Amino acid sequence: MSARVDGSLAQDIRALRQAGLSYSQMVKWGVALLADVYQAAWQYRLVAVGETPELESYNFNRVRKESGPPWVEEAWPDRTGAA
């Protein structure tokens, strides 16, 4: 996997580095979050499967976890492929 780093992506990477994320975390967590947005929109039939949903809002939690991705892990399905 690769991506051309333009000015906009470089700025986004700098922002995430300030939070201490590794490049691996940026990719894994970013893809997981975006996939969740798409899957939820399709599941709730907000857009047809295969269409791109428009994200209108999101919520923040002031309590920071000590480690791991920035979401409640128990709420997410098993992403390892295990049943």
PDB file of N, CA and C in Angstrom:
ATOM      1  N   MET A   1       0.851  -1.161   0.000  1.00  0.00           N
ATOM      2  CA  MET A   1       0.000   0.000   0.000  1.00  0.00           C
ATOM      3  C   MET A   1       0.899   1.227   0.000  1.00  0.00           C
ATOM      4  N   SER A   2       0.545   2.157  -0.855  1.00  0.00           N
ATOM      5  CA  SER A   2       1.312   3.396  -0.887  1.00  0.00           C
ATOM      6  C   SER A   2       0.379   4.538  -1.273  1.00  0.00           C
ATOM      7  N   ALA A   3       0.821   5.737  -0.993  1.00  0.00           N
ATOM      8  CA  ALA A   3       0.053   6.925  -1.344  1.00  0.00           C
ATOM      9  C   ALA A   3       1.028   8.059  -1.638  1.00  0.00           C
ATOM     10  N   ARG A   4       0.689   8.856  -2.620  1.00  0.00           N
ATOM     11  CA  ARG A   4       1.495  10.030  -2.923  1.00  0.00           C
ATOM     12  C   ARG A   4       1.246  11.055  -1.816  1.00  0.00           C
ATOM     13  N   VAL A   5       2.311  11.557  -1.215  1.00  0.00           N
ATOM     14  CA  VAL A   5       2.182  12.514  -0.119  1.00  0.00           C
ATOM     15  C   VAL A   5       2.218  13.927  -0.697  1.00  0.00           C
ATOM     16  N   ASP A   6       1.034  14.528  -0.783  1.00  0.00           N
ATOM     17  CA  ASP A   6       0.951  15.919  -1.222  1.00  0.00           C
ATOM     18  C   ASP A   6       0.895  16.814   0.022  1.00  0.00           C
ATOM     19  N   GLY A   7       0.738  18.095  -0.181  1.00  0.00           N
ATOM     20  CA  GLY A   7       0.738  19.029   0.939  1.00  0.00           C
ATOM     21  C   GLY A   7      -0.367  18.773   1.942  1.00  0.00           C
ATOM     22  N   SER A   8      -1.557  18.425   1.443  1.00  0.00           N
ATOM     23  CA  SER A   8      -2.700  18.173   2.321  1.00  0.00           C
ATOM     24  C   SER A   8      -2.472  16.938   3.181  1.00  0.00           C
ATOM     25  N   LEU A   9      -1.983  15.860   2.573  1.00  0.00           N
ATOM     26  CA  LEU A   9      -1.715  14.635   3.339  1.00  0.00           C
ATOM     27  C   LEU A   9      -0.581  14.866   4.329  1.00  0.00           C
ATOM     28  N   ALA A  10       0.435  15.596   3.933  1.00  0.00           N
ATOM     29  CA  ALA A  10       1.554  15.887   4.841  1.00  0.00           C
ATOM     30  C   ALA A  10       1.050  16.652   6.069  1.00  0.00           C
ATOM     31  N   GLN A  11       0.132  17.592   5.859  1.00  0.00           N
ATOM     32  CA  GLN A  11      -0.436  18.362   6.968  1.00  0.00           C
ATOM     33  C   GLN A  11      -1.241  17.451   7.895  1.00  0.00           C
ATOM     34  N   ASP A  12      -2.025  16.535   7.316  1.00  0.00           N
ATOM     35  CA  ASP A  12      -2.797  15.588   8.128  1.00  0.00           C
ATOM     36  C   ASP A  12      -1.877  14.672   8.930  1.00  0.00           C
ATOM     37  N   ILE A  13      -0.797  14.210   8.314  1.00  0.00           N
ATOM     38  CA  ILE A  13       0.173  13.337   8.992  1.00  0.00           C
ATOM     39  C   ILE A  13       0.813  14.085  10.162  1.00  0.00           C
ATOM     40  N   ARG A  14       1.195  15.345   9.950  1.00  0.00           N
ATOM     41  CA  ARG A  14       1.785  16.143  11.035  1.00  0.00           C
ATOM     42  C   ARG A  14       0.810  16.264  12.209  1.00  0.00           C
ATOM     43  N   ALA A  15      -0.463  16.465  11.905  1.00  0.00           N
ATOM     44  CA  ALA A  15      -1.463  16.573  12.974  1.00  0.00           C
ATOM     45  C   ALA A  15      -1.546  15.278  13.772  1.00  0.00           C
ATOM     46  N   LEU A  16      -1.562  14.148  13.095  1.00  0.00           N
ATOM     47  CA  LEU A  16      -1.667  12.864  13.789  1.00  0.00           C
ATOM     48  C   LEU A  16      -0.388  12.503  14.526  1.00  0.00           C
ATOM     49  N   ARG A  17       0.757  12.941  14.021  1.00  0.00           N
ATOM     50  CA  ARG A  17       2.026  12.698  14.719  1.00  0.00           C
ATOM     51  C   ARG A  17       2.044  13.458  16.043  1.00  0.00           C
ATOM     52  N   GLN A  18       1.383  14.621  16.110  1.00  0.00           N
ATOM     53  CA  GLN A  18       1.316  15.367  17.366  1.00  0.00           C
ATOM     54  C   GLN A  18       0.606  14.559  18.441  1.00  0.00           C
ATOM     55  N   ALA A  19      -0.284  13.664  18.033  1.00  0.00           N
ATOM     56  CA  ALA A  19      -0.993  12.802  18.978  1.00  0.00           C
ATOM     57  C   ALA A  19      -0.178  11.553  19.306  1.00  0.00           C
ATOM     58  N   GLY A  20       0.997  11.417  18.694  1.00  0.00           N
ATOM     59  CA  GLY A  20       1.863  10.287  18.991  1.00  0.00           C
ATOM     60  C   GLY A  20       1.560   9.032  18.200  1.00  0.00           C
ATOM     61  N   LEU A  21       0.725   9.141  17.162  1.00  0.00           N
ATOM     62  CA  LEU A  21       0.395   7.955  16.374  1.00  0.00           C
ATOM     63  C   LEU A  21       1.554   7.574  15.465  1.00  0.00           C
ATOM     64  N   SER A  22       1.766   6.271  15.327  1.00  0.00           N
ATOM     65  CA  SER A  22       2.754   5.770  14.370  1.00  0.00           C
ATOM     66  C   SER A  22       2.113   5.785  12.989  1.00  0.00           C
ATOM     67  N   TYR A  23       2.916   5.636  11.957  1.00  0.00           N
ATOM     68  CA  TYR A  23       2.371   5.580  10.602  1.00  0.00           C
ATOM     69  C   TYR A  23       1.438   4.380  10.460  1.00  0.00           C
ATOM     70  N   SER A  24       1.794   3.276  11.088  1.00  0.00           N
ATOM     71  CA  SER A  24       0.952   2.078  11.055  1.00  0.00           C
ATOM     72  C   SER A  24      -0.405   2.338  11.705  1.00  0.00           C
ATOM     73  N   GLN A  25      -0.403   2.999  12.861  1.00  0.00           N
ATOM     74  CA  GLN A  25      -1.659   3.322  13.534  1.00  0.00           C
ATOM     75  C   GLN A  25      -2.512   4.252  12.676  1.00  0.00           C
ATOM     76  N   MET A  26      -1.872   5.238  12.039  1.00  0.00           N
ATOM     77  CA  MET A  26      -2.618   6.156  11.182  1.00  0.00           C
ATOM     78  C   MET A  26      -3.373   5.395  10.098  1.00  0.00           C
ATOM     79  N   VAL A  27      -2.691   4.477   9.452  1.00  0.00           N
ATOM     80  CA  VAL A  27      -3.313   3.721   8.358  1.00  0.00           C
ATOM     81  C   VAL A  27      -4.371   2.766   8.895  1.00  0.00           C
ATOM     82  N   LYS A  28      -4.007   1.945   9.882  1.00  0.00           N
ATOM     83  CA  LYS A  28      -4.941   0.943  10.394  1.00  0.00           C
ATOM     84  C   LYS A  28      -6.183   1.582  10.997  1.00  0.00           C
ATOM     85  N   TRP A  29      -5.995   2.584  11.862  1.00  0.00           N
ATOM     86  CA  TRP A  29      -7.130   3.205  12.535  1.00  0.00           C
ATOM     87  C   TRP A  29      -7.935   4.059  11.567  1.00  0.00           C
ATOM     88  N   GLY A  30      -7.255   4.751  10.663  1.00  0.00           N
ATOM     89  CA  GLY A  30      -7.955   5.571   9.681  1.00  0.00           C
ATOM     90  C   GLY A  30      -8.835   4.737   8.763  1.00  0.00           C
ATOM     91  N   VAL A  31      -8.296   3.631   8.277  1.00  0.00           N
ATOM     92  CA  VAL A  31      -9.077   2.746   7.408  1.00  0.00           C
ATOM     93  C   VAL A  31     -10.226   2.126   8.193  1.00  0.00           C
ATOM     94  N   ALA A  32      -9.977   1.693   9.428  1.00  0.00           N
ATOM     95  CA  ALA A  32     -11.039   1.085  10.248  1.00  0.00           C
ATOM     96  C   ALA A  32     -12.169   2.075  10.509  1.00  0.00           C
ATOM     97  N   LEU A  33     -11.833   3.320  10.826  1.00  0.00           N
ATOM     98  CA  LEU A  33     -12.868   4.327  11.088  1.00  0.00           C
ATOM     99  C   LEU A  33     -13.676   4.633   9.838  1.00  0.00           C
ATOM    100  N   LEU A  34     -13.008   4.791   8.708  1.00  0.00           N
ATOM    101  CA  LEU A  34     -13.710   5.090   7.465  1.00  0.00           C
ATOM    102  C   LEU A  34     -14.576   3.907   7.032  1.00  0.00           C
ATOM    103  N   ALA A  35     -14.063   2.698   7.182  1.00  0.00           N
ATOM    104  CA  ALA A  35     -14.843   1.503   6.840  1.00  0.00           C
ATOM    105  C   ALA A  35     -16.086   1.413   7.711  1.00  0.00           C
ATOM    106  N   ASP A  36     -15.962   1.776   8.983  1.00  0.00           N
ATOM    107  CA  ASP A  36     -17.119   1.741   9.879  1.00  0.00           C
ATOM    108  C   ASP A  36     -18.186   2.733   9.432  1.00  0.00           C
ATOM    109  N   VAL A  37     -17.780   3.914   8.991  1.00  0.00           N
ATOM    110  CA  VAL A  37     -18.736   4.916   8.501  1.00  0.00           C
ATOM    111  C   VAL A  37     -19.498   4.350   7.299  1.00  0.00           C
ATOM    112  N   TYR A  38     -18.767   3.786   6.344  1.00  0.00           N
ATOM    113  CA  TYR A  38     -19.400   3.210   5.153  1.00  0.00           C
ATOM    114  C   TYR A  38     -20.335   2.060   5.536  1.00  0.00           C
ATOM    115  N   GLN A  39     -19.834   1.123   6.349  1.00  0.00           N
ATOM    116  CA  GLN A  39     -20.635  -0.056   6.698  1.00  0.00           C
ATOM    117  C   GLN A  39     -21.897   0.317   7.465  1.00  0.00           C
ATOM    118  N   ALA A  40     -21.798   1.291   8.360  1.00  0.00           N
ATOM    119  CA  ALA A  40     -22.976   1.719   9.115  1.00  0.00           C
ATOM    120  C   ALA A  40     -23.996   2.368   8.180  1.00  0.00           C
ATOM    121  N   ALA A  41     -23.539   3.205   7.267  1.00  0.00           N
ATOM    122  CA  ALA A  41     -24.458   3.857   6.319  1.00  0.00           C
ATOM    123  C   ALA A  41     -25.152   2.820   5.450  1.00  0.00           C
ATOM    124  N   TRP A  42     -24.429   1.797   5.042  1.00  0.00           N
ATOM    125  CA  TRP A  42     -25.033   0.741   4.217  1.00  0.00           C
ATOM    126  C   TRP A  42     -25.992  -0.102   5.053  1.00  0.00           C
ATOM    127  N   GLN A  43     -25.563  -0.458   6.263  1.00  0.00           N
ATOM    128  CA  GLN A  43     -26.393  -1.293   7.137  1.00  0.00           C
ATOM    129  C   GLN A  43     -27.721  -0.620   7.446  1.00  0.00           C
ATOM    130  N   TYR A  44     -27.686   0.689   7.717  1.00  0.00           N
ATOM    131  CA  TYR A  44     -28.909   1.415   8.052  1.00  0.00           C
ATOM    132  C   TYR A  44     -29.606   1.988   6.818  1.00  0.00           C
ATOM    133  N   ARG A  45     -29.114   1.578   5.655  1.00  0.00           N
ATOM    134  CA  ARG A  45     -29.706   1.956   4.366  1.00  0.00           C
ATOM    135  C   ARG A  45     -29.820   3.468   4.170  1.00  0.00           C
ATOM    136  N   LEU A  46     -28.802   4.181   4.646  1.00  0.00           N
ATOM    137  CA  LEU A  46     -28.750   5.625   4.427  1.00  0.00           C
ATOM    138  C   LEU A  46     -28.325   5.933   3.003  1.00  0.00           C
ATOM    139  N   VAL A  47     -27.487   5.052   2.451  1.00  0.00           N
ATOM    140  CA  VAL A  47     -27.105   5.086   1.036  1.00  0.00           C
ATOM    141  C   VAL A  47     -27.036   3.641   0.571  1.00  0.00           C
ATOM    142  N   ALA A  48     -27.119   3.439  -0.719  1.00  0.00           N
ATOM    143  CA  ALA A  48     -27.035   2.084  -1.278  1.00  0.00           C
ATOM    144  C   ALA A  48     -25.617   1.539  -1.101  1.00  0.00           C
ATOM    145  N   VAL A  49     -25.527   0.222  -0.952  1.00  0.00           N
ATOM    146  CA  VAL A  49     -24.218  -0.424  -0.844  1.00  0.00           C
ATOM    147  C   VAL A  49     -23.397  -0.044  -2.073  1.00  0.00           C
ATOM    148  N   GLY A  50     -22.182   0.362  -1.830  1.00  0.00           N
ATOM    149  CA  GLY A  50     -21.293   0.777  -2.909  1.00  0.00           C
ATOM    150  C   GLY A  50     -21.240   2.284  -3.090  1.00  0.00           C
ATOM    151  N   GLU A  51     -22.237   2.999  -2.544  1.00  0.00           N
ATOM    152  CA  GLU A  51     -22.229   4.459  -2.626  1.00  0.00           C
ATOM    153  C   GLU A  51     -21.458   5.050  -1.451  1.00  0.00           C
ATOM    154  N   THR A  52     -20.957   6.251  -1.636  1.00  0.00           N
ATOM    155  CA  THR A  52     -20.204   6.939  -0.590  1.00  0.00           C
ATOM    156  C   THR A  52     -21.149   7.767   0.277  1.00  0.00           C
ATOM    157  N   PRO A  53     -21.191   7.478   1.585  1.00  0.00           N
ATOM    158  CA  PRO A  53     -22.040   8.267   2.477  1.00  0.00           C
ATOM    159  C   PRO A  53     -21.374   9.598   2.811  1.00  0.00           C
ATOM    160  N   GLU A  54     -22.178  10.565   3.198  1.00  0.00           N
ATOM    161  CA  GLU A  54     -21.653  11.851   3.645  1.00  0.00           C
ATOM    162  C   GLU A  54     -21.738  11.897   5.165  1.00  0.00           C
ATOM    163  N   LEU A  55     -20.593  12.059   5.814  1.00  0.00           N
ATOM    164  CA  LEU A  55     -20.536  12.129   7.273  1.00  0.00           C
ATOM    165  C   LEU A  55     -20.914  13.541   7.700  1.00  0.00           C
ATOM    166  N   GLU A  56     -21.989  13.657   8.475  1.00  0.00           N
ATOM    167  CA  GLU A  56     -22.464  14.973   8.890  1.00  0.00           C
ATOM    168  C   GLU A  56     -21.942  15.404  10.256  1.00  0.00           C
ATOM    169  N   SER A  57     -21.693  14.457  11.159  1.00  0.00           N
ATOM    170  CA  SER A  57     -21.233  14.832  12.495  1.00  0.00           C
ATOM    171  C   SER A  57     -20.531  13.654  13.155  1.00  0.00           C
ATOM    172  N   TYR A  58     -19.874  13.953  14.250  1.00  0.00           N
ATOM    173  CA  TYR A  58     -19.250  12.934  15.090  1.00  0.00           C
ATOM    174  C   TYR A  58     -19.149  13.499  16.500  1.00  0.00           C
ATOM    175  N   ASN A  59     -18.918  12.628  17.467  1.00  0.00           N
ATOM    176  CA  ASN A  59     -18.851  13.024  18.877  1.00  0.00           C
ATOM    177  C   ASN A  59     -17.465  12.746  19.438  1.00  0.00           C
ATOM    178  N   PHE A  60     -17.057  13.554  20.398  1.00  0.00           N
ATOM    179  CA  PHE A  60     -15.784  13.368  21.082  1.00  0.00           C
ATOM    180  C   PHE A  60     -16.033  12.952  22.515  1.00  0.00           C
ATOM    181  N   ASN A  61     -15.082  12.239  23.093  1.00  0.00           N
ATOM    182  CA  ASN A  61     -15.112  11.871  24.496  1.00  0.00           C
ATOM    183  C   ASN A  61     -13.905  12.530  25.146  1.00  0.00           C
ATOM    184  N   ARG A  62     -14.114  13.253  26.230  1.00  0.00           N
ATOM    185  CA  ARG A  62     -13.003  13.954  26.891  1.00  0.00           C
ATOM    186  C   ARG A  62     -12.081  12.993  27.649  1.00  0.00           C
ATOM    187  N   VAL A  63     -12.540  11.812  27.967  1.00  0.00           N
ATOM    188  CA  VAL A  63     -11.727  10.840  28.690  1.00  0.00           C
ATOM    189  C   VAL A  63     -10.843  10.111  27.682  1.00  0.00           C
ATOM    190  N   ARG A  64      -9.543  10.131  27.936  1.00  0.00           N
ATOM    191  CA  ARG A  64      -8.603   9.486  27.028  1.00  0.00           C
ATOM    192  C   ARG A  64      -8.216   8.120  27.564  1.00  0.00           C
ATOM    193  N   LYS A  65      -8.217   7.133  26.661  1.00  0.00           N
ATOM    194  CA  LYS A  65      -7.756   5.795  27.023  1.00  0.00           C
ATOM    195  C   LYS A  65      -6.236   5.801  27.139  1.00  0.00           C
ATOM    196  N   GLU A  66      -5.711   4.859  27.884  1.00  0.00           N
ATOM    197  CA  GLU A  66      -4.260   4.751  28.045  1.00  0.00           C
ATOM    198  C   GLU A  66      -3.577   4.248  26.785  1.00  0.00           C
ATOM    199  N   SER A  67      -4.244   3.349  26.044  1.00  0.00           N
ATOM    200  CA  SER A  67      -3.643   2.804  24.828  1.00  0.00           C
ATOM    201  C   SER A  67      -4.740   2.277  23.913  1.00  0.00           C
ATOM    202  N   GLY A  68      -4.346   1.935  22.707  1.00  0.00           N
ATOM    203  CA  GLY A  68      -5.288   1.363  21.757  1.00  0.00           C
ATOM    204  C   GLY A  68      -5.967   2.417  20.902  1.00  0.00           C
ATOM    205  N   PRO A  69      -6.817   1.953  19.998  1.00  0.00           N
ATOM    206  CA  PRO A  69      -7.477   2.879  19.074  1.00  0.00           C
ATOM    207  C   PRO A  69      -8.444   3.806  19.798  1.00  0.00           C
ATOM    208  N   PRO A  70      -8.742   4.949  19.182  1.00  0.00           N
ATOM    209  CA  PRO A  70      -9.585   5.948  19.846  1.00  0.00           C
ATOM    210  C   PRO A  70     -11.078   5.662  19.750  1.00  0.00           C
ATOM    211  N   TRP A  71     -11.474   4.459  20.109  1.00  0.00           N
ATOM    212  CA  TRP A  71     -12.887   4.088  20.174  1.00  0.00           C
ATOM    213  C   TRP A  71     -13.052   2.965  21.162  1.00  0.00           C
ATOM    214  N   VAL A  72     -14.265   2.703  21.573  1.00  0.00           N
ATOM    215  CA  VAL A  72     -14.544   1.619  22.512  1.00  0.00           C
ATOM    216  C   VAL A  72     -14.404   0.312  21.748  1.00  0.00           C
ATOM    217  N   GLU A  73     -13.353  -0.442  22.039  1.00  0.00           N
ATOM    218  CA  GLU A  73     -13.047  -1.634  21.243  1.00  0.00           C
ATOM    219  C   GLU A  73     -14.132  -2.697  21.325  1.00  0.00           C
ATOM    220  N   GLU A  74     -14.823  -2.797  22.451  1.00  0.00           N
ATOM    221  CA  GLU A  74     -15.856  -3.816  22.595  1.00  0.00           C
ATOM    222  C   GLU A  74     -17.023  -3.539  21.649  1.00  0.00           C
ATOM    223  N   ALA A  75     -17.205  -2.298  21.233  1.00  0.00           N
ATOM    224  CA  ALA A  75     -18.308  -1.930  20.359  1.00  0.00           C
ATOM    225  C   ALA A  75     -18.035  -2.282  18.910  1.00  0.00           C
ATOM    226  N   TRP A  76     -16.783  -2.584  18.571  1.00  0.00           N
ATOM    227  CA  TRP A  76     -16.434  -2.867  17.186  1.00  0.00           C
ATOM    228  C   TRP A  76     -16.408  -4.368  16.960  1.00  0.00           C
ATOM    229  N   PRO A  77     -16.810  -4.807  15.777  1.00  0.00           N
ATOM    230  CA  PRO A  77     -16.751  -6.243  15.488  1.00  0.00           C
ATOM    231  C   PRO A  77     -15.304  -6.726  15.424  1.00  0.00           C
ATOM    232  N   ASP A  78     -15.126  -8.014  15.569  1.00  0.00           N
ATOM    233  CA  ASP A  78     -13.792  -8.603  15.492  1.00  0.00           C
ATOM    234  C   ASP A  78     -13.208  -8.340  14.118  1.00  0.00           C
ATOM    235  N   ARG A  79     -12.110  -7.605  14.052  1.00  0.00           N
ATOM    236  CA  ARG A  79     -11.497  -7.248  12.777  1.00  0.00           C
ATOM    237  C   ARG A  79     -10.356  -8.202  12.405  1.00  0.00           C
ATOM    238  N   THR A  80     -10.203  -9.283  13.144  1.00  0.00           N
ATOM    239  CA  THR A  80      -9.135 -10.225  12.836  1.00  0.00           C
ATOM    240  C   THR A  80      -9.560 -11.244  11.796  1.00  0.00           C
ATOM    241  N   GLY A  81     -10.863 -11.349  11.527  1.00  0.00           N
ATOM    242  CA  GLY A  81     -11.358 -12.347  10.592  1.00  0.00           C
ATOM    243  C   GLY A  81     -11.780 -13.617  11.292  1.00  0.00           C
ATOM    244  N   ALA A  82     -11.526 -13.696  12.601  1.00  0.00           N
ATOM    245  CA  ALA A  82     -11.909 -14.889  13.359  1.00  0.00           C
ATOM    246  C   ALA A  82     -13.414 -14.862  13.622  1.00  0.00           C
ATOM    247  N   ALA A  83     -13.996 -16.021  13.693  1.00  0.00           N
ATOM    248  CA  ALA A  83     -15.457 -16.103  13.935  1.00  0.00           C
ATOM    249  C   ALA A  83     -15.749 -16.173  15.408  1.00  0.00           C
TER     250      ALA A  83
END
